[in-house]
Amino acid sequence: MAGHERELRSARTAYLGAVRRLDEALRAFSASRVPLDPGQGPQPRPWSRQHVQVMRELAAAFAEVIDRRRSWDGMRREWRPPH
């Protein structure tokens, strides 16, 4: 049981780390002021390389949170105590 508890703690820690990285990515996205509204003209407002990078990092951070949470959930759900 101690090994499983250690794995669960590790999975929880990995999830919390992912949540912290998501928070950082959200803050970076907010600070970047990516122009999501295309504006009134026929051409949308341009995105810089930095805008695209910050959005990619945000998408990756969301994906990591989902993956870490699903992994942790699966470990808790599928574990059966030894008889």
N, C-alpha and C. Protein backbone atom coordinates (compact mmCIF):
# COMPACT_ATOMS: atom_id res chain seq x y z
N MET A 1 0.82 -1.20 0.00
CA MET A 1 0.00 0.00 0.00
C MET A 1 0.86 1.25 0.00
N ALA A 2 1.99 1.22 0.68
CA ALA A 2 2.85 2.40 0.74
C ALA A 2 3.31 2.83 -0.64
N GLY A 3 3.61 1.88 -1.51
CA GLY A 3 4.02 2.21 -2.88
C GLY A 3 2.92 2.92 -3.64
N HIS A 4 1.69 2.44 -3.47
CA HIS A 4 0.56 3.07 -4.16
C HIS A 4 0.31 4.48 -3.62
N GLU A 5 0.40 4.62 -2.30
CA GLU A 5 0.22 5.95 -1.72
C GLU A 5 1.28 6.93 -2.21
N ARG A 6 2.49 6.44 -2.36
CA ARG A 6 3.58 7.27 -2.88
C ARG A 6 3.28 7.68 -4.33
N GLU A 7 2.79 6.73 -5.12
CA GLU A 7 2.43 7.04 -6.51
C GLU A 7 1.29 8.05 -6.57
N LEU A 8 0.31 7.91 -5.69
CA LEU A 8 -0.80 8.87 -5.64
C LEU A 8 -0.31 10.26 -5.26
N ARG A 9 0.58 10.34 -4.28
CA ARG A 9 1.14 11.64 -3.90
C ARG A 9 1.91 12.26 -5.06
N SER A 10 2.66 11.44 -5.76
CA SER A 10 3.42 11.92 -6.91
C SER A 10 2.48 12.42 -8.01
N ALA A 11 1.40 11.68 -8.26
CA ALA A 11 0.43 12.09 -9.29
C ALA A 11 -0.26 13.39 -8.89
N ARG A 12 -0.58 13.52 -7.61
CA ARG A 12 -1.21 14.75 -7.12
C ARG A 12 -0.25 15.93 -7.28
N THR A 13 1.00 15.71 -6.92
CA THR A 13 2.01 16.77 -7.06
C THR A 13 2.18 17.17 -8.51
N ALA A 14 2.18 16.19 -9.42
CA ALA A 14 2.29 16.49 -10.85
C ALA A 14 1.09 17.31 -11.32
N TYR A 15 -0.09 16.96 -10.84
CA TYR A 15 -1.30 17.71 -11.19
C TYR A 15 -1.22 19.15 -10.68
N LEU A 16 -0.82 19.31 -9.43
CA LEU A 16 -0.72 20.66 -8.87
C LEU A 16 0.32 21.49 -9.61
N GLY A 17 1.42 20.87 -10.00
CA GLY A 17 2.42 21.58 -10.80
C GLY A 17 1.85 22.03 -12.13
N ALA A 18 1.05 21.17 -12.75
CA ALA A 18 0.42 21.53 -14.02
C ALA A 18 -0.55 22.69 -13.83
N VAL A 19 -1.29 22.67 -12.73
CA VAL A 19 -2.23 23.77 -12.45
C VAL A 19 -1.47 25.08 -12.27
N ARG A 20 -0.35 25.03 -11.58
CA ARG A 20 0.46 26.25 -11.40
C ARG A 20 0.98 26.77 -12.74
N ARG A 21 1.43 25.83 -13.60
CA ARG A 21 1.91 26.25 -14.92
C ARG A 21 0.76 26.83 -15.75
N LEU A 22 -0.44 26.27 -15.61
CA LEU A 22 -1.60 26.83 -16.31
C LEU A 22 -1.87 28.24 -15.81
N ASP A 23 -1.81 28.45 -14.50
CA ASP A 23 -2.02 29.79 -13.96
C ASP A 23 -1.01 30.78 -14.54
N GLU A 24 0.25 30.36 -14.61
CA GLU A 24 1.28 31.23 -15.20
C GLU A 24 0.98 31.51 -16.67
N ALA A 25 0.55 30.49 -17.40
CA ALA A 25 0.24 30.66 -18.82
C ALA A 25 -0.97 31.58 -19.01
N LEU A 26 -1.96 31.45 -18.14
CA LEU A 26 -3.13 32.34 -18.22
C LEU A 26 -2.73 33.79 -17.96
N ARG A 27 -1.86 33.98 -16.98
CA ARG A 27 -1.39 35.35 -16.68
C ARG A 27 -0.58 35.92 -17.85
N ALA A 28 0.25 35.08 -18.45
CA ALA A 28 1.03 35.53 -19.61
C ALA A 28 0.12 35.87 -20.78
N PHE A 29 -0.91 35.05 -20.98
CA PHE A 29 -1.87 35.32 -22.05
C PHE A 29 -2.57 36.65 -21.81
N SER A 30 -3.03 36.86 -20.59
CA SER A 30 -3.72 38.10 -20.26
C SER A 30 -2.81 39.31 -20.48
N ALA A 31 -1.56 39.19 -20.06
CA ALA A 31 -0.62 40.30 -20.19
C ALA A 31 -0.23 40.57 -21.64
N SER A 32 -0.32 39.54 -22.49
CA SER A 32 0.11 39.70 -23.89
C SER A 32 -0.85 40.53 -24.73
N ARG A 33 -2.07 40.64 -24.25
CA ARG A 33 -3.09 41.42 -24.96
C ARG A 33 -3.26 40.96 -26.41
N VAL A 34 -3.38 39.67 -26.59
CA VAL A 34 -3.62 39.11 -27.93
C VAL A 34 -4.93 39.69 -28.45
N PRO A 35 -4.92 40.27 -29.64
CA PRO A 35 -6.16 40.83 -30.20
C PRO A 35 -7.05 39.72 -30.77
N LEU A 36 -7.95 39.19 -29.94
CA LEU A 36 -8.84 38.13 -30.41
C LEU A 36 -10.01 38.69 -31.23
N ASP A 37 -10.47 39.89 -30.89
CA ASP A 37 -11.52 40.53 -31.68
C ASP A 37 -10.90 40.95 -33.01
N PRO A 38 -11.47 40.51 -34.12
CA PRO A 38 -10.85 40.82 -35.41
C PRO A 38 -10.93 42.29 -35.81
N GLY A 39 -11.76 43.07 -35.14
CA GLY A 39 -11.90 44.47 -35.51
C GLY A 39 -12.97 44.66 -36.58
N GLN A 40 -13.10 45.88 -37.07
CA GLN A 40 -14.15 46.23 -38.01
C GLN A 40 -13.75 46.12 -39.48
N GLY A 41 -12.48 46.20 -39.76
CA GLY A 41 -12.02 46.20 -41.14
C GLY A 41 -12.06 44.83 -41.79
N PRO A 42 -11.72 44.76 -43.07
CA PRO A 42 -11.76 43.49 -43.78
C PRO A 42 -10.64 42.53 -43.37
N GLN A 43 -9.58 43.07 -42.80
CA GLN A 43 -8.46 42.24 -42.34
C GLN A 43 -8.48 42.17 -40.82
N PRO A 44 -8.24 41.01 -40.26
CA PRO A 44 -8.20 40.92 -38.80
C PRO A 44 -6.97 41.62 -38.23
N ARG A 45 -7.07 41.99 -36.98
CA ARG A 45 -5.91 42.57 -36.31
C ARG A 45 -4.80 41.53 -36.31
N PRO A 46 -3.58 41.94 -36.57
CA PRO A 46 -2.49 40.96 -36.68
C PRO A 46 -2.07 40.39 -35.34
N TRP A 47 -1.56 39.17 -35.40
CA TRP A 47 -0.94 38.52 -34.25
C TRP A 47 0.57 38.50 -34.47
N SER A 48 1.29 38.79 -33.44
CA SER A 48 2.75 38.71 -33.51
C SER A 48 3.18 37.26 -33.24
N ARG A 49 4.47 36.99 -33.46
CA ARG A 49 5.01 35.66 -33.10
C ARG A 49 4.84 35.41 -31.61
N GLN A 50 5.01 36.46 -30.82
CA GLN A 50 4.84 36.33 -29.37
C GLN A 50 3.39 35.97 -29.02
N HIS A 51 2.43 36.59 -29.70
CA HIS A 51 1.03 36.25 -29.45
C HIS A 51 0.77 34.77 -29.72
N VAL A 52 1.27 34.29 -30.84
CA VAL A 52 1.06 32.88 -31.21
C VAL A 52 1.75 31.98 -30.19
N GLN A 53 2.95 32.34 -29.79
CA GLN A 53 3.69 31.53 -28.81
C GLN A 53 2.96 31.45 -27.48
N VAL A 54 2.46 32.57 -27.00
CA VAL A 54 1.76 32.57 -25.71
C VAL A 54 0.47 31.76 -25.80
N MET A 55 -0.20 31.78 -26.93
CA MET A 55 -1.42 30.97 -27.09
C MET A 55 -1.08 29.48 -27.17
N ARG A 56 0.01 29.14 -27.84
CA ARG A 56 0.45 27.74 -27.88
C ARG A 56 0.82 27.24 -26.49
N GLU A 57 1.50 28.06 -25.72
CA GLU A 57 1.88 27.69 -24.36
C GLU A 57 0.64 27.51 -23.49
N LEU A 58 -0.36 28.36 -23.69
CA LEU A 58 -1.61 28.24 -22.94
C LEU A 58 -2.33 26.95 -23.31
N ALA A 59 -2.41 26.65 -24.59
CA ALA A 59 -3.05 25.40 -25.03
C ALA A 59 -2.33 24.19 -24.46
N ALA A 60 -1.01 24.21 -24.46
CA ALA A 60 -0.23 23.10 -23.91
C ALA A 60 -0.45 22.98 -22.40
N ALA A 61 -0.59 24.11 -21.72
CA ALA A 61 -0.81 24.07 -20.27
C ALA A 61 -2.18 23.47 -19.95
N PHE A 62 -3.19 23.82 -20.73
CA PHE A 62 -4.51 23.20 -20.53
C PHE A 62 -4.43 21.69 -20.77
N ALA A 63 -3.76 21.29 -21.85
CA ALA A 63 -3.63 19.86 -22.16
C ALA A 63 -2.91 19.12 -21.04
N GLU A 64 -1.88 19.74 -20.47
CA GLU A 64 -1.15 19.10 -19.38
C GLU A 64 -2.03 18.93 -18.15
N VAL A 65 -2.82 19.94 -17.80
CA VAL A 65 -3.72 19.83 -16.65
C VAL A 65 -4.69 18.67 -16.86
N ILE A 66 -5.26 18.59 -18.05
CA ILE A 66 -6.20 17.49 -18.33
C ILE A 66 -5.51 16.14 -18.22
N ASP A 67 -4.34 16.01 -18.82
CA ASP A 67 -3.61 14.73 -18.78
C ASP A 67 -3.24 14.34 -17.36
N ARG A 68 -2.71 15.27 -16.60
CA ARG A 68 -2.31 14.96 -15.22
C ARG A 68 -3.50 14.60 -14.36
N ARG A 69 -4.60 15.31 -14.52
CA ARG A 69 -5.80 15.02 -13.72
C ARG A 69 -6.37 13.65 -14.10
N ARG A 70 -6.44 13.36 -15.37
CA ARG A 70 -6.97 12.05 -15.79
C ARG A 70 -6.09 10.92 -15.28
N SER A 71 -4.80 11.12 -15.29
CA SER A 71 -3.88 10.11 -14.79
C SER A 71 -4.09 9.90 -13.30
N TRP A 72 -4.17 10.97 -12.55
CA TRP A 72 -4.38 10.89 -11.11
C TRP A 72 -5.73 10.24 -10.80
N ASP A 73 -6.78 10.68 -11.51
CA ASP A 73 -8.12 10.08 -11.32
C ASP A 73 -8.09 8.59 -11.59
N GLY A 74 -7.43 8.20 -12.67
CA GLY A 74 -7.36 6.79 -13.03
C GLY A 74 -6.63 5.97 -11.97
N MET A 75 -5.58 6.51 -11.42
CA MET A 75 -4.84 5.80 -10.37
C MET A 75 -5.71 5.59 -9.14
N ARG A 76 -6.51 6.58 -8.79
CA ARG A 76 -7.38 6.45 -7.62
C ARG A 76 -8.53 5.49 -7.89
N ARG A 77 -9.06 5.53 -9.08
CA ARG A 77 -10.23 4.74 -9.43
C ARG A 77 -9.89 3.26 -9.62
N GLU A 78 -8.75 2.99 -10.22
CA GLU A 78 -8.42 1.62 -10.62
C GLU A 78 -7.69 0.82 -9.55
N TRP A 79 -7.24 1.46 -8.50
CA TRP A 79 -6.46 0.74 -7.50
C TRP A 79 -7.34 -0.19 -6.69
N ARG A 80 -6.87 -1.39 -6.48
CA ARG A 80 -7.55 -2.37 -5.62
C ARG A 80 -6.57 -2.79 -4.53
N PRO A 81 -7.00 -2.70 -3.26
CA PRO A 81 -6.10 -3.10 -2.20
C PRO A 81 -5.75 -4.58 -2.29
N PRO A 82 -4.54 -4.94 -1.90
CA PRO A 82 -4.17 -6.36 -1.93
C PRO A 82 -4.96 -7.13 -0.88
N HIS A 83 -5.21 -8.39 -1.17
CA HIS A 83 -5.99 -9.23 -0.24
C HIS A 83 -5.11 -9.88 0.76
